[in-house]
Amino acid sequence: MERDLTIGYVTIDDPNDRRSWSGIHNFLLVALRKRVARVVPIGPLRPQPELFLSRAFNQVLLRVFKKRFNYRASWIMARAYARVIKRRTKGLDLIIAPAGLPTVTLIDPGVPIIYFNDRCTAGAMHYHRILWDLAEFSRKESLAVEHRTFQNSDLVVFSSDWAAEGARKAYPDIADKLRVIPMGANLDAAPAPPEPRKFPPERLKLLMLGVNWVDKG
């Protein structure tokens, strides 16, 4: 007998906040609710005291050794998220976890898990500035947490071939779980196409808009 799905939507930040992950969390939540009978937000997630202690340790490491602790992909936060999420998985048929790497690393909800992101940590180690100056223990831990997350997920979805290829090279054992689904535009309604126009012959000046636009080149 068929029945409607209940999806647990796991996000570290508030999925109702349009500023969260540049609006992706919110627009993805809205899109899911249009297609699924029931979507249960599990977030925002701020497990304490682990989050406070992890941030404090990162600041000490930065000030003393000029190195970072990537607490966003750490075992201490993975255990903290598992503790919090465990109490909120009853009655779910599926879990979707966008972006929050350690949120589903150690959970055992008894239902399929879909992890979604726009980058693979292993593939971005030499690309993303926030990963350049990690302490060596944190670099190894970040990769181990990511690998465990992928192993614990039933599907690992990336928004680009570049991100998926990074995961495939770093963790060949999870290659059969990888999928590529491009993100849609974060717009309530697509604007009308612009009218054709002629540009002047001199060099064009372009205005680039974005949040982390320096990292994007």
C-alpha atoms as a PDB file:
ATOM      1  CA  MET A   1       0.000   0.000   0.000  1.00  0.00           C
ATOM      2  CA  GLU A   2       1.453   3.369  -1.049  1.00  0.00           C
ATOM      3  CA  ARG A   3       1.615   6.243   1.418  1.00  0.00           C
ATOM      4  CA  ASP A   4       2.886   9.796   1.421  1.00  0.00           C
ATOM      5  CA  LEU A   5       6.479  10.420   2.428  1.00  0.00           C
ATOM      6  CA  THR A   6       7.617  12.263   5.510  1.00  0.00           C
ATOM      7  CA  ILE A   7      11.033  13.816   4.964  1.00  0.00           C
ATOM      8  CA  GLY A   8      13.360  15.031   7.683  1.00  0.00           C
ATOM      9  CA  TYR A   9      15.163  18.126   6.433  1.00  0.00           C
ATOM     10  CA  VAL A  10      18.401  18.505   8.413  1.00  0.00           C
ATOM     11  CA  THR A  11      20.138  21.889   8.362  1.00  0.00           C
ATOM     12  CA  ILE A  12      22.615  23.499  10.719  1.00  0.00           C
ATOM     13  CA  ASP A  13      21.146  26.947  10.052  1.00  0.00           C
ATOM     14  CA  ASP A  14      17.509  28.039  10.029  1.00  0.00           C
ATOM     15  CA  PRO A  15      15.926  26.722   6.797  1.00  0.00           C
ATOM     16  CA  ASN A  16      13.289  29.478   6.972  1.00  0.00           C
ATOM     17  CA  ASP A  17      15.957  32.170   6.773  1.00  0.00           C
ATOM     18  CA  ARG A  18      16.547  33.216   3.170  1.00  0.00           C
ATOM     19  CA  ARG A  19      20.091  34.269   4.034  1.00  0.00           C
ATOM     20  CA  SER A  20      20.983  30.707   5.062  1.00  0.00           C
ATOM     21  CA  TRP A  21      23.454  29.220   2.565  1.00  0.00           C
ATOM     22  CA  SER A  22      22.668  32.063   0.145  1.00  0.00           C
ATOM     23  CA  GLY A  23      18.996  31.100   0.179  1.00  0.00           C
ATOM     24  CA  ILE A  24      19.505  27.501  -0.888  1.00  0.00           C
ATOM     25  CA  HIS A  25      18.234  26.007   2.373  1.00  0.00           C
ATOM     26  CA  ASN A  26      14.989  27.921   2.142  1.00  0.00           C
ATOM     27  CA  PHE A  27      14.323  27.470  -1.567  1.00  0.00           C
ATOM     28  CA  LEU A  28      15.085  23.756  -1.336  1.00  0.00           C
ATOM     29  CA  LEU A  29      12.675  23.462   1.600  1.00  0.00           C
ATOM     30  CA  VAL A  30       9.953  25.279  -0.366  1.00  0.00           C
ATOM     31  CA  ALA A  31      10.546  23.075  -3.416  1.00  0.00           C
ATOM     32  CA  LEU A  32      10.308  19.904  -1.319  1.00  0.00           C
ATOM     33  CA  ARG A  33       7.058  21.030   0.292  1.00  0.00           C
ATOM     34  CA  LYS A  34       5.496  21.471  -3.135  1.00  0.00           C
ATOM     35  CA  ARG A  35       6.194  17.837  -3.978  1.00  0.00           C
ATOM     36  CA  VAL A  36       6.143  15.931  -0.686  1.00  0.00           C
ATOM     37  CA  ALA A  37       3.273  15.479   1.740  1.00  0.00           C
ATOM     38  CA  ARG A  38       5.243  16.375   4.863  1.00  0.00           C
ATOM     39  CA  VAL A  39       8.666  17.934   5.344  1.00  0.00           C
ATOM     40  CA  VAL A  40       9.910  18.209   8.923  1.00  0.00           C
ATOM     41  CA  PRO A  41      12.692  20.795   9.422  1.00  0.00           C
ATOM     42  CA  ILE A  42      15.374  19.565  11.820  1.00  0.00           C
ATOM     43  CA  GLY A  43      17.250  22.778  12.398  1.00  0.00           C
ATOM     44  CA  PRO A  44      18.687  25.163  13.227  1.00  0.00           C
ATOM     45  CA  LEU A  45      21.121  23.031  15.194  1.00  0.00           C
ATOM     46  CA  ARG A  46      23.311  24.592  17.889  1.00  0.00           C
ATOM     47  CA  PRO A  47      24.365  21.767  20.225  1.00  0.00           C
ATOM     48  CA  GLN A  48      25.996  23.040  23.389  1.00  0.00           C
ATOM     49  CA  PRO A  49      28.513  23.035  24.983  1.00  0.00           C
ATOM     50  CA  GLU A  50      30.279  21.386  22.025  1.00  0.00           C
ATOM     51  CA  LEU A  51      29.766  24.286  19.635  1.00  0.00           C
ATOM     52  CA  PHE A  52      31.024  26.900  22.097  1.00  0.00           C
ATOM     53  CA  LEU A  53      34.080  24.830  23.050  1.00  0.00           C
ATOM     54  CA  SER A  54      34.934  24.054  19.425  1.00  0.00           C
ATOM     55  CA  ARG A  55      34.765  27.700  18.405  1.00  0.00           C
ATOM     56  CA  ALA A  56      36.855  28.722  21.403  1.00  0.00           C
ATOM     57  CA  PHE A  57      39.507  26.103  20.611  1.00  0.00           C
ATOM     58  CA  ASN A  58      39.632  27.332  17.019  1.00  0.00           C
ATOM     59  CA  GLN A  59      40.261  30.902  18.189  1.00  0.00           C
ATOM     60  CA  VAL A  60      43.064  29.775  20.531  1.00  0.00           C
ATOM     61  CA  LEU A  61      44.661  27.764  17.739  1.00  0.00           C
ATOM     62  CA  LEU A  62      44.467  30.743  15.386  1.00  0.00           C
ATOM     63  CA  ARG A  63      45.975  33.180  17.870  1.00  0.00           C
ATOM     64  CA  VAL A  64      48.777  30.907  19.082  1.00  0.00           C
ATOM     65  CA  PHE A  65      49.714  28.812  16.045  1.00  0.00           C
ATOM     66  CA  LYS A  66      48.038  30.667  13.138  1.00  0.00           C
ATOM     67  CA  LYS A  67      46.226  27.448  12.266  1.00  0.00           C
ATOM     68  CA  ARG A  68      42.539  26.584  12.066  1.00  0.00           C
ATOM     69  CA  PHE A  69      40.432  23.880  13.649  1.00  0.00           C
ATOM     70  CA  ASN A  70      37.729  22.930  11.156  1.00  0.00           C
ATOM     71  CA  TYR A  71      35.094  22.246  13.801  1.00  0.00           C
ATOM     72  CA  ARG A  72      32.453  22.246  11.054  1.00  0.00           C
ATOM     73  CA  ALA A  73      33.804  18.827  10.048  1.00  0.00           C
ATOM     74  CA  SER A  74      34.944  17.384  13.369  1.00  0.00           C
ATOM     75  CA  TRP A  75      34.140  14.294  15.409  1.00  0.00           C
ATOM     76  CA  ILE A  76      33.089  16.351  18.420  1.00  0.00           C
ATOM     77  CA  MET A  77      30.413  18.138  16.394  1.00  0.00           C
ATOM     78  CA  ALA A  78      29.388  14.940  14.604  1.00  0.00           C
ATOM     79  CA  ARG A  79      28.682  13.305  17.978  1.00  0.00           C
ATOM     80  CA  ALA A  80      26.849  16.404  19.200  1.00  0.00           C
ATOM     81  CA  TYR A  81      24.608  16.530  16.122  1.00  0.00           C
ATOM     82  CA  ALA A  82      23.907  12.801  16.388  1.00  0.00           C
ATOM     83  CA  ARG A  83      22.772  13.276  19.981  1.00  0.00           C
ATOM     84  CA  VAL A  84      20.404  16.093  19.060  1.00  0.00           C
ATOM     85  CA  ILE A  85      19.039  14.608  15.830  1.00  0.00           C
ATOM     86  CA  LYS A  86      18.456  11.159  17.346  1.00  0.00           C
ATOM     87  CA  ARG A  87      15.519  12.507  19.335  1.00  0.00           C
ATOM     88  CA  ARG A  88      13.817  13.922  16.225  1.00  0.00           C
ATOM     89  CA  THR A  89      13.862  11.106  13.648  1.00  0.00           C
ATOM     90  CA  LYS A  90      10.773   9.172  14.750  1.00  0.00           C
ATOM     91  CA  GLY A  91       8.203   8.757  11.993  1.00  0.00           C
ATOM     92  CA  LEU A  92      10.486   9.807   9.136  1.00  0.00           C
ATOM     93  CA  ASP A  93      10.751   7.949   5.828  1.00  0.00           C
ATOM     94  CA  LEU A  94      13.800   9.777   4.474  1.00  0.00           C
ATOM     95  CA  ILE A  95      16.408  12.292   5.584  1.00  0.00           C
ATOM     96  CA  ILE A  96      17.834  15.008   3.360  1.00  0.00           C
ATOM     97  CA  ALA A  97      20.866  16.884   4.702  1.00  0.00           C
ATOM     98  CA  PRO A  98      22.154  19.788   2.622  1.00  0.00           C
ATOM     99  CA  ALA A  99      25.606  21.261   3.324  1.00  0.00           C
ATOM    100  CA  GLY A 100      25.963  20.353   7.039  1.00  0.00           C
ATOM    101  CA  LEU A 101      28.704  17.737   6.690  1.00  0.00           C
ATOM    102  CA  PRO A 102      28.819  16.318  10.252  1.00  0.00           C
ATOM    103  CA  THR A 103      25.062  16.331  10.828  1.00  0.00           C
ATOM    104  CA  VAL A 104      24.553  12.838   9.407  1.00  0.00           C
ATOM    105  CA  THR A 105      28.028  11.387   9.999  1.00  0.00           C
ATOM    106  CA  LEU A 106      27.100   9.227  12.976  1.00  0.00           C
ATOM    107  CA  ILE A 107      23.303   9.061  13.004  1.00  0.00           C
ATOM    108  CA  ASP A 108      21.498   5.748  12.546  1.00  0.00           C
ATOM    109  CA  PRO A 109      17.887   6.722  11.810  1.00  0.00           C
ATOM    110  CA  GLY A 110      16.907   3.442  10.159  1.00  0.00           C
ATOM    111  CA  VAL A 111      15.790   5.312   7.008  1.00  0.00           C
ATOM    112  CA  PRO A 112      17.684   6.371   3.860  1.00  0.00           C
ATOM    113  CA  ILE A 113      19.917   9.438   4.038  1.00  0.00           C
ATOM    114  CA  ILE A 114      20.576  11.802   1.134  1.00  0.00           C
ATOM    115  CA  TYR A 115      23.517  14.136   1.613  1.00  0.00           C
ATOM    116  CA  PHE A 116      23.728  17.178  -0.680  1.00  0.00           C
ATOM    117  CA  ASN A 117      26.443  19.804  -1.143  1.00  0.00           C
ATOM    118  CA  ASP A 118      28.147  22.074  -3.652  1.00  0.00           C
ATOM    119  CA  ARG A 119      31.672  20.956  -2.864  1.00  0.00           C
ATOM    120  CA  CYS A 120      33.698  18.036  -1.590  1.00  0.00           C
ATOM    121  CA  THR A 121      36.149  18.879   1.180  1.00  0.00           C
ATOM    122  CA  ALA A 122      38.821  16.604  -0.259  1.00  0.00           C
ATOM    123  CA  GLY A 123      38.478  18.268  -3.639  1.00  0.00           C
ATOM    124  CA  ALA A 124      38.527  21.782  -2.180  1.00  0.00           C
ATOM    125  CA  MET A 125      41.540  21.510   0.143  1.00  0.00           C
ATOM    126  CA  HIS A 126      43.735  23.480  -2.277  1.00  0.00           C
ATOM    127  CA  TYR A 127      40.885  25.644  -3.584  1.00  0.00           C
ATOM    128  CA  HIS A 128      38.898  27.057  -0.681  1.00  0.00           C
ATOM    129  CA  ARG A 129      40.854  29.517   1.483  1.00  0.00           C
ATOM    130  CA  ILE A 130      39.161  28.433   4.728  1.00  0.00           C
ATOM    131  CA  LEU A 131      40.768  25.002   4.269  1.00  0.00           C
ATOM    132  CA  TRP A 132      44.286  26.201   3.459  1.00  0.00           C
ATOM    133  CA  ASP A 133      45.676  26.756   6.958  1.00  0.00           C
ATOM    134  CA  LEU A 134      44.170  23.846   8.849  1.00  0.00           C
ATOM    135  CA  ALA A 135      46.174  22.211  11.606  1.00  0.00           C
ATOM    136  CA  GLU A 136      47.365  18.835  10.384  1.00  0.00           C
ATOM    137  CA  PHE A 137      45.185  16.913  12.839  1.00  0.00           C
ATOM    138  CA  SER A 138      42.161  18.910  11.683  1.00  0.00           C
ATOM    139  CA  ARG A 139      42.947  18.328   8.006  1.00  0.00           C
ATOM    140  CA  LYS A 140      43.024  14.556   8.571  1.00  0.00           C
ATOM    141  CA  GLU A 141      39.923  14.699  10.762  1.00  0.00           C
ATOM    142  CA  SER A 142      37.986  16.707   8.155  1.00  0.00           C
ATOM    143  CA  LEU A 143      38.673  14.094   5.491  1.00  0.00           C
ATOM    144  CA  ALA A 144      37.822  11.226   7.853  1.00  0.00           C
ATOM    145  CA  VAL A 145      34.511  12.847   8.874  1.00  0.00           C
ATOM    146  CA  GLU A 146      33.634  13.504   5.247  1.00  0.00           C
ATOM    147  CA  HIS A 147      34.408   9.920   4.247  1.00  0.00           C
ATOM    148  CA  ARG A 148      32.315   8.572   7.116  1.00  0.00           C
ATOM    149  CA  THR A 149      29.449  10.891   6.133  1.00  0.00           C
ATOM    150  CA  PHE A 150      29.500   9.554   2.589  1.00  0.00           C
ATOM    151  CA  GLN A 151      29.630   5.975   3.840  1.00  0.00           C
ATOM    152  CA  ASN A 152      26.667   6.604   6.142  1.00  0.00           C
ATOM    153  CA  SER A 153      24.590   8.166   3.343  1.00  0.00           C
ATOM    154  CA  ASP A 154      22.572   6.228   0.793  1.00  0.00           C
ATOM    155  CA  LEU A 155      23.031   8.904  -1.860  1.00  0.00           C
ATOM    156  CA  VAL A 156      25.688  11.622  -2.072  1.00  0.00           C
ATOM    157  CA  VAL A 157      24.487  14.400  -4.357  1.00  0.00           C
ATOM    158  CA  PHE A 158      26.614  17.274  -5.638  1.00  0.00           C
ATOM    159  CA  SER A 159      25.605  20.276  -7.687  1.00  0.00           C
ATOM    160  CA  SER A 160      28.490  19.993 -10.156  1.00  0.00           C
ATOM    161  CA  ASP A 161      30.662  17.433 -11.908  1.00  0.00           C
ATOM    162  CA  TRP A 162      33.711  19.142 -10.372  1.00  0.00           C
ATOM    163  CA  ALA A 163      32.535  18.429  -6.821  1.00  0.00           C
ATOM    164  CA  ALA A 164      31.475  14.859  -7.639  1.00  0.00           C
ATOM    165  CA  GLU A 165      34.785  14.137  -9.335  1.00  0.00           C
ATOM    166  CA  GLY A 166      36.654  15.327  -6.251  1.00  0.00           C
ATOM    167  CA  ALA A 167      34.695  12.865  -4.130  1.00  0.00           C
ATOM    168  CA  ARG A 168      35.176  10.072  -6.638  1.00  0.00           C
ATOM    169  CA  LYS A 169      38.950  10.497  -6.651  1.00  0.00           C
ATOM    170  CA  ALA A 170      39.268  10.840  -2.881  1.00  0.00           C
ATOM    171  CA  TYR A 171      36.829   8.083  -1.887  1.00  0.00           C
ATOM    172  CA  PRO A 172      36.491   5.497  -4.681  1.00  0.00           C
ATOM    173  CA  ASP A 173      34.542   3.159  -2.398  1.00  0.00           C
ATOM    174  CA  ILE A 174      31.483   5.455  -2.501  1.00  0.00           C
ATOM    175  CA  ALA A 175      31.545   6.153  -6.240  1.00  0.00           C
ATOM    176  CA  ASP A 176      28.317   4.203  -6.857  1.00  0.00           C
ATOM    177  CA  LYS A 177      26.440   6.556  -4.482  1.00  0.00           C
ATOM    178  CA  LEU A 178      27.401   9.752  -6.312  1.00  0.00           C
ATOM    179  CA  ARG A 179      24.872  11.777  -8.274  1.00  0.00           C
ATOM    180  CA  VAL A 180      25.046  15.235  -9.873  1.00  0.00           C
ATOM    181  CA  ILE A 181      21.946  17.464  -9.676  1.00  0.00           C
ATOM    182  CA  PRO A 182      22.531  21.134 -10.579  1.00  0.00           C
ATOM    183  CA  MET A 183      20.954  23.728  -8.320  1.00  0.00           C
ATOM    184  CA  GLY A 184      18.082  25.835  -9.558  1.00  0.00           C
ATOM    185  CA  ALA A 185      17.956  29.605  -9.292  1.00  0.00           C
ATOM    186  CA  ASN A 186      16.927  31.046  -5.940  1.00  0.00           C
ATOM    187  CA  LEU A 187      14.038  32.999  -7.433  1.00  0.00           C
ATOM    188  CA  ASP A 188      10.320  32.923  -6.700  1.00  0.00           C
ATOM    189  CA  ALA A 189       9.642  33.586 -10.361  1.00  0.00           C
ATOM    190  CA  ALA A 190      12.017  33.641 -13.313  1.00  0.00           C
ATOM    191  CA  PRO A 191      12.331  37.103 -14.854  1.00  0.00           C
ATOM    192  CA  ALA A 192      11.410  37.713 -18.463  1.00  0.00           C
ATOM    193  CA  PRO A 193      14.305  37.393 -20.921  1.00  0.00           C
ATOM    194  CA  PRO A 194      15.996  40.717 -21.664  1.00  0.00           C
ATOM    195  CA  GLU A 195      15.352  42.618 -24.825  1.00  0.00           C
ATOM    196  CA  PRO A 196      18.099  42.330 -27.480  1.00  0.00           C
ATOM    197  CA  ARG A 197      20.480  45.269 -27.373  1.00  0.00           C
ATOM    198  CA  LYS A 198      23.673  46.428 -28.995  1.00  0.00           C
ATOM    199  CA  PHE A 199      26.735  46.953 -26.850  1.00  0.00           C
ATOM    200  CA  PRO A 200      29.279  49.686 -27.475  1.00  0.00           C
ATOM    201  CA  PRO A 201      32.468  48.679 -29.276  1.00  0.00           C
ATOM    202  CA  GLU A 202      34.771  49.606 -26.359  1.00  0.00           C
ATOM    203  CA  ARG A 203      35.640  47.190 -23.551  1.00  0.00           C
ATOM    204  CA  LEU A 204      32.677  46.219 -21.360  1.00  0.00           C
ATOM    205  CA  LYS A 205      32.684  46.745 -17.597  1.00  0.00           C
ATOM    206  CA  LEU A 206      30.911  43.966 -15.689  1.00  0.00           C
ATOM    207  CA  LEU A 207      29.532  44.120 -12.152  1.00  0.00           C
ATOM    208  CA  MET A 208      29.890  40.809 -10.310  1.00  0.00           C
ATOM    209  CA  LEU A 209      27.571  40.132  -7.366  1.00  0.00           C
ATOM    210  CA  GLY A 210      28.044  37.419  -4.758  1.00  0.00           C
ATOM    211  CA  VAL A 211      28.771  36.603  -1.123  1.00  0.00           C
ATOM    212  CA  ASN A 212      32.215  34.949  -1.212  1.00  0.00           C
ATOM    213  CA  TRP A 213      33.013  36.433  -4.626  1.00  0.00           C
ATOM    214  CA  VAL A 214      36.782  36.513  -4.019  1.00  0.00           C
ATOM    215  CA  ASP A 215      36.861  32.742  -3.432  1.00  0.00           C
ATOM    216  CA  LYS A 216      34.924  32.260  -6.647  1.00  0.00           C
ATOM    217  CA  GLY A 217      37.578  34.060  -8.653  1.00  0.00           C
END
